[in-house]
Amino acid sequence: MPSASGLVLTIIIRMLEIYNILIFVRVIASWIVQDPTHPIMRFLYGITEPILGPIRNLMPNIGLDFSPIVAYLLISVITQILRSIL
């Protein structure tokens, strides 16, 4: 039987993986759905903007939004660190 801390780490890792998928879906959906008021886009913006917004504010404005890439990489690094602890 896994320990409680191992179970918590596994749940956190899964949540981070799902979050990375949501970021990816947001990027793809933003190319397809041009209406930001569409319910799917509002959901994706609402769920991912708390991470992407602060990252975007830290980055210089060069005309392209690289915050999803930075967030994806940061979450991937955190996930790998948690896996190594597990």
C-alpha atoms as a PDB file:
ATOM      1  CA  MET A   1       0.000   0.000   0.000  1.00  0.00           C
ATOM      2  CA  PRO A   2       1.466   3.383  -1.003  1.00  0.00           C
ATOM      3  CA  SER A   3       2.197   5.917   1.675  1.00  0.00           C
ATOM      4  CA  ALA A   4      -0.031   8.940   2.126  1.00  0.00           C
ATOM      5  CA  SER A   5       2.725  11.301   0.972  1.00  0.00           C
ATOM      6  CA  GLY A   6       3.308   9.157  -2.126  1.00  0.00           C
ATOM      7  CA  LEU A   7      -0.382   9.273  -2.936  1.00  0.00           C
ATOM      8  CA  VAL A   8      -0.471  13.059  -2.506  1.00  0.00           C
ATOM      9  CA  LEU A   9       2.567  13.466  -4.781  1.00  0.00           C
ATOM     10  CA  THR A  10       0.971  11.208  -7.387  1.00  0.00           C
ATOM     11  CA  ILE A  11      -2.224  13.276  -7.319  1.00  0.00           C
ATOM     12  CA  ILE A  12      -0.252  16.538  -7.631  1.00  0.00           C
ATOM     13  CA  ILE A  13       1.728  15.119 -10.565  1.00  0.00           C
ATOM     14  CA  ARG A  14      -1.481  14.065 -12.336  1.00  0.00           C
ATOM     15  CA  MET A  15      -3.029  17.492 -11.754  1.00  0.00           C
ATOM     16  CA  LEU A  16       0.055  19.203 -13.204  1.00  0.00           C
ATOM     17  CA  GLU A  17      -0.063  16.905 -16.236  1.00  0.00           C
ATOM     18  CA  ILE A  18      -3.739  17.758 -16.777  1.00  0.00           C
ATOM     19  CA  TYR A  19      -2.907  21.456 -16.431  1.00  0.00           C
ATOM     20  CA  ASN A  20      -0.251  21.146 -19.120  1.00  0.00           C
ATOM     21  CA  ILE A  21      -2.830  19.505 -21.381  1.00  0.00           C
ATOM     22  CA  LEU A  22      -5.252  22.367 -20.707  1.00  0.00           C
ATOM     23  CA  ILE A  23      -2.569  24.898 -21.652  1.00  0.00           C
ATOM     24  CA  PHE A  24      -1.944  22.996 -24.887  1.00  0.00           C
ATOM     25  CA  VAL A  25      -5.678  22.839 -25.642  1.00  0.00           C
ATOM     26  CA  ARG A  26      -5.964  26.587 -25.000  1.00  0.00           C
ATOM     27  CA  VAL A  27      -3.228  27.311 -27.513  1.00  0.00           C
ATOM     28  CA  ILE A  28      -4.779  25.084 -30.185  1.00  0.00           C
ATOM     29  CA  ALA A  29      -8.303  26.362 -29.466  1.00  0.00           C
ATOM     30  CA  SER A  30      -7.131  29.976 -29.746  1.00  0.00           C
ATOM     31  CA  TRP A  31      -6.120  29.230 -33.342  1.00  0.00           C
ATOM     32  CA  ILE A  32      -9.518  27.707 -34.141  1.00  0.00           C
ATOM     33  CA  VAL A  33     -12.086  29.562 -32.039  1.00  0.00           C
ATOM     34  CA  GLN A  34     -11.888  33.288 -32.677  1.00  0.00           C
ATOM     35  CA  ASP A  35     -14.633  34.219 -30.195  1.00  0.00           C
ATOM     36  CA  PRO A  36     -13.178  34.815 -26.689  1.00  0.00           C
ATOM     37  CA  THR A  37     -16.717  34.722 -25.258  1.00  0.00           C
ATOM     38  CA  HIS A  38     -17.265  31.151 -26.463  1.00  0.00           C
ATOM     39  CA  PRO A  39     -17.954  28.934 -23.410  1.00  0.00           C
ATOM     40  CA  ILE A  40     -14.998  26.649 -24.114  1.00  0.00           C
ATOM     41  CA  MET A  41     -12.627  29.585 -24.463  1.00  0.00           C
ATOM     42  CA  ARG A  42     -13.970  31.226 -21.297  1.00  0.00           C
ATOM     43  CA  PHE A  43     -13.379  27.946 -19.425  1.00  0.00           C
ATOM     44  CA  LEU A  44      -9.859  27.546 -20.822  1.00  0.00           C
ATOM     45  CA  TYR A  45      -8.966  31.184 -20.133  1.00  0.00           C
ATOM     46  CA  GLY A  46     -10.411  31.008 -16.644  1.00  0.00           C
ATOM     47  CA  ILE A  47      -8.488  27.869 -15.742  1.00  0.00           C
ATOM     48  CA  THR A  48      -5.121  28.766 -17.323  1.00  0.00           C
ATOM     49  CA  GLU A  49      -4.902  32.546 -16.969  1.00  0.00           C
ATOM     50  CA  PRO A  50      -3.945  32.443 -13.240  1.00  0.00           C
ATOM     51  CA  ILE A  51      -0.625  30.902 -14.340  1.00  0.00           C
ATOM     52  CA  LEU A  52      -0.186  32.398 -17.802  1.00  0.00           C
ATOM     53  CA  GLY A  53      -1.024  35.980 -16.778  1.00  0.00           C
ATOM     54  CA  PRO A  54       1.800  36.420 -14.235  1.00  0.00           C
ATOM     55  CA  ILE A  55       4.285  34.724 -16.565  1.00  0.00           C
ATOM     56  CA  ARG A  56       3.180  37.040 -19.399  1.00  0.00           C
ATOM     57  CA  ASN A  57       3.688  40.060 -17.126  1.00  0.00           C
ATOM     58  CA  LEU A  58       7.271  38.999 -16.375  1.00  0.00           C
ATOM     59  CA  MET A  59       8.198  38.531 -20.024  1.00  0.00           C
ATOM     60  CA  PRO A  60       9.082  41.348 -22.419  1.00  0.00           C
ATOM     61  CA  ASN A  61       6.399  42.134 -25.002  1.00  0.00           C
ATOM     62  CA  ILE A  62       7.807  41.056 -28.366  1.00  0.00           C
ATOM     63  CA  GLY A  63       4.527  40.669 -30.197  1.00  0.00           C
ATOM     64  CA  LEU A  64       4.161  36.928 -29.596  1.00  0.00           C
ATOM     65  CA  ASP A  65       2.848  35.313 -26.426  1.00  0.00           C
ATOM     66  CA  PHE A  66       5.398  32.764 -25.251  1.00  0.00           C
ATOM     67  CA  SER A  67       3.823  32.399 -21.795  1.00  0.00           C
ATOM     68  CA  PRO A  68       2.217  29.000 -22.627  1.00  0.00           C
ATOM     69  CA  ILE A  69       5.613  27.612 -23.601  1.00  0.00           C
ATOM     70  CA  VAL A  70       7.264  28.952 -20.453  1.00  0.00           C
ATOM     71  CA  ALA A  71       4.421  27.655 -18.272  1.00  0.00           C
ATOM     72  CA  TYR A  72       4.533  24.262 -19.975  1.00  0.00           C
ATOM     73  CA  LEU A  73       8.284  24.005 -19.393  1.00  0.00           C
ATOM     74  CA  LEU A  74       8.048  25.144 -15.758  1.00  0.00           C
ATOM     75  CA  ILE A  75       5.264  22.684 -15.007  1.00  0.00           C
ATOM     76  CA  SER A  76       7.233  19.911 -16.732  1.00  0.00           C
ATOM     77  CA  VAL A  77      10.306  20.660 -14.599  1.00  0.00           C
ATOM     78  CA  ILE A  78       8.209  20.700 -11.406  1.00  0.00           C
ATOM     79  CA  THR A  79       6.607  17.415 -12.441  1.00  0.00           C
ATOM     80  CA  GLN A  80      10.011  15.811 -12.996  1.00  0.00           C
ATOM     81  CA  ILE A  81      11.261  17.026  -9.628  1.00  0.00           C
ATOM     82  CA  LEU A  82       8.182  15.565  -7.922  1.00  0.00           C
ATOM     83  CA  ARG A  83       8.644  12.273  -9.794  1.00  0.00           C
ATOM     84  CA  SER A  84      12.234  12.079  -8.568  1.00  0.00           C
ATOM     85  CA  ILE A  85      11.023  12.623  -4.999  1.00  0.00           C
ATOM     86  CA  LEU A  86       8.392   9.913  -5.464  1.00  0.00           C
END
